[in-house]
Protein backbone atom coordinates (compact mmCIF):
# COMPACT_ATOMS: atom_id res chain seq x y z
CA MET A 1 39.20 83.78 120.29
CA ASP A 2 36.64 86.09 118.66
CA ALA A 3 37.45 88.85 121.18
CA LEU A 4 41.17 88.41 120.57
CA THR A 5 40.73 88.53 116.81
CA ALA A 6 38.53 91.61 117.06
CA THR A 7 41.06 93.35 119.32
CA VAL A 8 43.96 92.62 116.96
CA ALA A 9 41.87 93.78 114.00
CA TRP A 10 41.02 97.01 115.84
CA LEU A 11 44.70 97.67 116.62
CA LEU A 12 45.74 96.99 113.02
CA ASP A 13 43.04 99.15 111.48
CA PRO A 14 44.80 102.20 109.89
CA ALA A 15 41.81 104.37 110.81
CA HIS A 16 42.72 104.02 114.48
CA TRP A 17 46.25 105.33 113.90
CA SER A 18 45.27 108.77 112.63
CA GLY A 19 43.16 111.72 113.72
CA THR A 20 42.61 113.25 117.14
CA ASP A 21 41.36 109.93 118.51
CA GLY A 22 44.18 107.94 116.94
CA ILE A 23 46.55 105.79 118.97
CA PRO A 24 49.61 108.09 118.54
CA ILE A 25 47.70 111.12 119.91
CA ARG A 26 46.18 109.17 122.81
CA LEU A 27 49.55 107.59 123.60
CA TRP A 28 51.25 110.99 123.65
CA GLU A 29 48.56 112.42 125.95
CA HIS A 30 49.00 109.47 128.31
CA VAL A 31 52.80 109.66 128.35
CA TRP A 32 52.79 113.46 128.74
CA ILE A 33 50.52 113.60 131.80
CA SER A 34 52.29 110.60 133.37
CA ALA A 35 55.79 112.01 132.84
CA LEU A 36 54.81 115.46 134.10
CA SER A 37 53.20 113.97 137.21
CA VAL A 38 56.18 111.74 138.06
CA LEU A 39 58.64 114.58 137.46
CA THR A 40 56.67 116.93 139.71
CA ALA A 41 56.37 114.26 142.39
CA ALA A 42 60.13 113.65 142.22
CA VAL A 43 60.86 117.36 142.64
CA ILE A 44 58.71 117.33 145.78
CA ALA A 45 59.53 113.93 147.27
CA LEU A 46 63.26 113.52 146.59
CA PRO A 47 64.42 116.51 148.70
CA ILE A 48 62.07 115.59 151.53
CA GLY A 49 63.13 111.94 151.45
CA ALA A 50 66.80 112.93 151.32
CA PHE A 51 66.40 115.28 154.28
CA ILE A 52 64.60 112.84 156.55
CA GLY A 53 66.80 109.96 155.40
CA HIS A 54 70.00 111.86 156.13
CA THR A 55 68.97 113.56 159.37
CA GLY A 56 66.29 111.19 160.68
CA ARG A 57 64.20 114.23 161.65
CA ALA A 58 60.41 114.13 161.25
CA ALA A 59 60.75 110.72 159.60
CA SER A 60 57.70 109.20 161.30
CA LEU A 61 55.52 112.17 160.39
CA ALA A 62 56.60 112.20 156.74
CA ILE A 63 56.28 108.44 156.26
CA ASN A 64 52.88 108.31 157.96
CA LEU A 65 51.60 111.15 155.80
CA ALA A 66 52.88 109.34 152.73
CA ASN A 67 51.14 106.14 153.79
CA ILE A 68 47.91 108.05 154.35
CA GLY A 69 48.28 109.43 150.85
CA ARG A 70 48.54 105.90 149.51
CA ALA A 71 45.22 105.04 151.14
CA VAL A 72 43.31 107.83 149.37
CA PRO A 73 41.90 106.57 146.03
CA SER A 74 43.00 108.51 142.98
CA TYR A 75 39.40 108.66 141.79
CA ALA A 76 38.41 110.43 145.00
CA ILE A 77 41.15 113.02 144.42
CA LEU A 78 39.86 113.57 140.89
CA VAL A 79 36.36 114.20 142.18
CA ILE A 80 37.58 116.56 144.93
CA VAL A 81 39.91 118.59 142.70
CA LEU A 82 37.51 118.91 139.75
CA PRO A 83 35.09 121.52 141.18
CA ILE A 84 37.97 123.44 142.79
CA SER A 85 39.94 123.68 139.55
CA LEU A 86 36.84 124.75 137.64
CA ARG A 87 36.06 127.45 140.21
CA LEU A 88 39.61 128.80 140.17
CA ALA A 89 39.83 129.02 136.36
CA PRO A 90 38.45 132.60 136.05
CA ALA A 91 40.57 133.88 138.94
CA LEU A 92 43.84 132.29 137.81
CA GLY A 93 43.27 132.82 134.12
CA TYR A 94 43.75 129.30 132.77
CA PRO A 95 41.24 127.76 130.32
CA PRO A 96 38.24 126.13 132.03
CA ALA A 97 38.90 123.02 129.94
CA TRP A 98 42.13 122.53 131.92
CA GLY A 99 40.15 122.63 135.14
CA LEU A 100 37.87 119.95 133.74
CA SER A 101 40.54 117.54 132.55
CA GLU A 102 44.30 118.23 132.84
CA ILE A 103 44.47 119.75 136.32
CA PRO A 104 42.45 117.08 138.19
CA THR A 105 44.32 114.29 136.39
CA PHE A 106 47.72 115.87 137.00
CA THR A 107 46.97 116.50 140.67
CA ALA A 108 45.73 112.96 141.32
CA MET A 109 48.67 111.34 139.52
CA THR A 110 51.22 113.56 141.27
CA LEU A 111 49.82 112.69 144.68
CA LEU A 112 49.86 109.03 143.69
CA ALA A 113 53.55 109.21 142.76
CA ILE A 114 54.85 111.06 145.83
CA PRO A 115 54.62 108.25 148.45
CA PRO A 116 56.73 105.58 146.70
CA ILE A 117 59.41 108.11 145.75
CA LEU A 118 59.56 109.60 149.24
CA VAL A 119 59.58 106.24 151.02
CA GLY A 120 62.12 104.78 148.59
CA THR A 121 64.48 107.73 149.08
CA TYR A 122 64.16 107.59 152.85
CA ALA A 123 64.61 103.82 153.00
CA GLY A 124 67.62 103.88 150.71
CA LEU A 125 69.46 106.49 152.75
CA ARG A 126 68.65 104.87 156.07
CA GLU A 127 70.06 101.54 154.84
CA VAL A 128 73.49 103.09 154.40
CA ASP A 129 75.82 101.86 157.15
CA ARG A 130 75.86 104.48 159.92
CA ASP A 131 79.49 103.62 160.66
CA LEU A 132 80.37 104.78 157.15
CA VAL A 133 78.60 108.07 157.76
CA GLU A 134 80.36 108.62 161.07
CA ALA A 135 83.70 107.74 159.49
CA ALA A 136 83.05 110.33 156.78
CA ARG A 137 82.30 112.95 159.41
CA GLY A 138 85.50 112.01 161.20
CA MET A 139 87.43 112.53 157.98
CA GLY A 140 86.15 116.10 157.82
CA MET A 141 83.43 115.74 155.19
CA ARG A 142 80.56 118.16 155.49
CA GLU A 143 76.94 117.03 155.69
CA ARG A 144 76.25 118.01 152.10
CA GLN A 145 79.27 116.04 150.92
CA ILE A 146 78.26 113.00 152.96
CA LEU A 147 74.80 113.08 151.40
CA SER A 148 75.89 113.62 147.80
CA ARG A 149 79.12 111.56 147.70
CA LEU A 150 78.37 108.72 150.07
CA GLU A 151 74.73 108.19 150.95
CA VAL A 152 73.07 108.94 147.60
CA PRO A 153 75.41 106.73 145.52
CA LEU A 154 74.88 103.82 147.91
CA ALA A 155 71.13 104.38 148.10
CA LEU A 156 70.68 104.93 144.37
CA PRO A 157 69.19 101.49 143.56
CA VAL A 158 66.47 101.91 146.19
CA ILE A 159 65.79 105.53 145.23
CA LEU A 160 65.41 104.56 141.58
CA GLY A 161 63.23 101.65 142.64
CA GLY A 162 60.84 104.13 144.25
CA VAL A 163 60.73 106.27 141.10
CA ARG A 164 60.24 103.15 139.01
CA THR A 165 57.30 102.02 141.15
CA ALA A 166 55.74 105.47 140.99
CA ALA A 167 56.08 105.65 137.20
CA VAL A 168 54.44 102.28 136.63
CA GLN A 169 51.61 103.09 139.04
CA VAL A 170 50.95 106.43 137.37
CA VAL A 171 50.96 104.96 133.86
CA ALA A 172 48.48 102.27 134.93
CA THR A 173 46.23 104.70 136.83
CA ALA A 174 46.28 107.68 134.45
CA THR A 175 43.43 105.98 132.57
CA LEU A 176 41.17 107.54 135.21
CA GLY A 177 41.74 110.88 133.54
CA ALA A 178 39.25 109.88 130.87
CA VAL A 179 36.53 109.97 133.53
CA VAL A 180 37.00 113.75 133.84
CA ALA A 181 37.21 114.41 130.08
CA TYR A 182 40.98 114.01 129.73
CA GLY A 183 42.34 112.02 126.80
CA GLY A 184 45.03 109.40 127.02
CA LEU A 185 44.65 105.68 126.54
CA GLY A 186 41.89 105.61 129.14
CA ARG A 187 39.68 107.21 126.51
CA TYR A 188 39.48 103.85 124.74
CA LEU A 189 38.31 102.16 127.93
CA ILE A 190 35.65 104.74 128.73
CA ASP A 191 34.42 104.98 125.14
CA GLY A 192 34.52 101.22 124.71
CA ILE A 193 32.23 100.77 127.71
CA ALA A 194 29.93 103.63 126.67
CA ARG A 195 29.58 102.35 123.10
CA ASN A 196 29.56 98.68 124.07
CA GLU A 197 32.56 98.13 121.78
CA THR A 198 34.57 95.35 123.37
CA ASP A 199 37.28 95.52 120.72
CA ARG A 200 37.98 99.18 121.56
CA LEU A 201 37.89 98.38 125.28
CA PHE A 202 40.28 95.42 125.05
CA ALA A 203 42.57 97.36 122.72
CA GLY A 204 42.81 100.10 125.36
CA VAL A 205 43.68 97.51 128.00
CA VAL A 206 46.40 96.04 125.78
CA LEU A 207 47.88 99.47 125.05
CA VAL A 208 47.97 100.48 128.72
CA ALA A 209 49.53 97.16 129.73
CA ALA A 210 52.13 97.43 126.97
CA LEU A 211 53.03 100.97 128.00
CA ALA A 212 53.34 99.96 131.67
CA LEU A 213 55.62 97.06 130.74
CA ALA A 214 57.72 99.35 128.55
CA VAL A 215 58.11 101.84 131.41
CA GLU A 216 59.02 99.05 133.81
CA GLY A 217 61.63 97.67 131.42
CA GLY A 218 63.02 101.11 130.63
CA PHE A 219 63.52 101.99 134.26
CA ALA A 220 65.11 98.61 134.90
CA LEU A 221 67.68 99.35 132.20
CA ILE A 222 68.30 102.84 133.59
CA GLN A 223 68.78 101.45 137.09
CA ARG A 224 71.31 98.96 135.82
CA ALA A 225 73.14 101.52 133.72
CA ILE A 226 73.66 104.13 136.44
CA THR A 227 74.24 101.77 139.36
CA SER A 228 77.93 101.06 139.89
CA PRO A 229 79.06 97.50 139.01
CA GLY A 230 80.42 97.00 142.53
CA LEU A 231 77.08 97.86 144.08
CA ARG A 232 75.22 95.58 141.67
CA ALA A 233 77.56 92.72 142.49
CA SER A 234 77.19 93.24 146.23
CA THR A 235 73.42 93.35 146.25
CA GLY A 236 73.18 90.36 143.92
CA SER A 237 69.49 90.97 143.31
CA GLY A 238 69.36 93.07 140.17
CA PRO A 239 68.80 96.78 139.75
CA ALA A 240 65.81 96.98 142.08
CA ALA A 241 67.71 95.70 145.06
CA GLY A 242 68.79 98.02 147.80
CA PRO A 243 72.30 98.56 149.08
CA ARG A 244 73.64 96.39 151.85
CA PRO A 245 75.83 97.90 154.54
CA TYR A 246 79.12 96.44 153.35
CA ARG A 247 82.06 98.69 153.93
CA GLN A 248 83.64 97.86 150.60
CA LEU A 249 80.75 99.53 148.77
CA ALA A 250 82.15 102.98 149.49
CA GLU A 251 85.67 104.01 150.21
CA VAL A 252 85.73 107.13 152.34
CA PRO A 253 88.24 109.58 150.78
CA ARG A 254 91.52 109.51 152.65
CA GLY A 255 94.26 112.04 152.95
CA GLY A 256 94.12 115.64 151.72
CA GLY A 257 92.69 117.01 148.54
CA GLU A 258 89.06 118.01 148.37
CA VAL A 259 87.90 116.31 151.59
CA GLY A 260 86.42 118.88 153.88
CA THR A 261 86.04 121.53 151.20
CA ALA A 262 82.75 123.15 150.36
């Protein structure tokens, strides 16, 4: 009870809500590096996942590489990237402080986020009924149209589930950035251990857990909002569920009009 009281008192202390080490600044640093990492990972992983999910080409290679990436600890990536980013600072012209903190953290979090997004995109597209895809081809739809108008809408819950998983993992793991002099909420954990201040340490844990829960809940709401009601009703398992190969989930366009156009 003493630890809980001390943690609550630390969180409610106005001194910890102002200044460069205040909670708003540390929270912003944490959210910024996490959002940038997930966005970059999505830019990389979504096209690759869509390609291998739609065509089936190089799927084993891509998935195996992603799984290998999952097995590499983020801390190890931090340690590997740190001396490289410091050495490249004079040549590339960015501040050496970035090479000490932002770049290693960003790189490690981006690599952490790529596998779940890639695998989720691939799995979602491969779960789409192949008969639907062949029917769309028979109706004259081009490959790009099949991907954008049929496969992606049906696979959207699984794709978003991969992004959601990546975001939560990155938020929870970005605390490691404090090990290489980055800020964020992990600063409270590292400083709490270094100063033997358990209230600061536990407050950092509470803040990270609260942020992770908020991200999880936010993505759940987004998944529900952008997933069609018919698809939600057919999966019957909430926004994280994947699409089932029921033909009624997607009506292939019939007749003339824009079918078969670029």
